[in-house]
Amino acid sequence: MDANGGTAAPRRISAFDTTLRDGEQAPGNAMTADQKLEVALAFQSLGVDVIETG
């Protein structure tokens, strides 16, 4: 319930993560395709609806 006695709209949290895009720009941080998929699936399980890849 909100302060007025009505039902509050669900909060939406936005997170912007560029791990799969910029993460490999740093020397020594290359990921395999399987590792990238693991990260993407972890984001999906958290409810992330947009993943920026490179």
Protein backbone atom coordinates (compact mmCIF):
# COMPACT_ATOMS: atom_id res chain seq x y z
CA MET A 1 0.00 0.00 0.00
CA ASP A 2 1.15 3.52 -0.69
CA ALA A 3 0.68 6.55 1.55
CA ASN A 4 -2.78 7.17 0.08
CA GLY A 5 -4.05 3.66 0.78
CA GLY A 6 -3.69 2.49 -2.83
CA THR A 7 -1.48 -0.20 -4.24
CA ALA A 8 1.97 1.11 -5.05
CA ALA A 9 3.40 0.39 -8.48
CA PRO A 10 6.32 -2.04 -8.41
CA ARG A 11 9.69 -0.35 -8.35
CA ARG A 12 11.91 -0.82 -11.36
CA ILE A 13 15.63 -0.83 -10.84
CA SER A 14 17.92 -0.12 -13.78
CA ALA A 15 21.47 -1.40 -13.88
CA PHE A 16 23.90 -0.63 -16.66
CA ASP A 17 26.72 -3.13 -16.88
CA THR A 18 29.23 -3.27 -19.69
CA THR A 19 31.15 -6.33 -18.49
CA LEU A 20 30.57 -8.23 -21.72
CA ARG A 21 31.48 -5.23 -23.86
CA ASP A 22 34.16 -3.24 -22.05
CA GLY A 23 35.42 -6.01 -19.79
CA GLU A 24 37.76 -7.28 -22.44
CA GLN A 25 39.28 -3.88 -23.11
CA ALA A 26 41.55 -4.20 -20.06
CA PRO A 27 44.71 -6.22 -20.69
CA GLY A 28 44.52 -9.79 -19.39
CA ASN A 29 40.75 -9.86 -18.99
CA ALA A 30 39.69 -11.89 -22.01
CA MET A 31 36.73 -14.24 -21.52
CA THR A 32 35.93 -17.36 -23.46
CA ALA A 33 32.57 -17.69 -25.21
CA ASP A 34 31.45 -20.09 -22.45
CA GLN A 35 32.38 -17.55 -19.75
CA LYS A 36 30.47 -14.80 -21.56
CA LEU A 37 27.43 -17.06 -21.81
CA GLU A 38 27.68 -17.84 -18.09
CA VAL A 39 27.69 -14.11 -17.26
CA ALA A 40 24.77 -13.43 -19.63
CA LEU A 41 22.73 -16.27 -18.12
CA ALA A 42 23.46 -14.98 -14.61
CA PHE A 43 22.18 -11.54 -15.64
CA GLN A 44 19.09 -13.16 -17.13
CA SER A 45 18.40 -15.06 -13.90
CA LEU A 46 18.47 -11.72 -12.07
CA GLY A 47 15.81 -10.35 -14.40
CA VAL A 48 18.06 -8.13 -16.50
CA ASP A 49 16.17 -7.45 -19.70
CA VAL A 50 18.95 -5.72 -21.68
CA ILE A 51 22.56 -6.86 -21.86
CA GLU A 52 25.05 -4.77 -23.82
CA THR A 53 27.62 -6.90 -25.57
CA GLY A 54 30.36 -6.08 -28.03
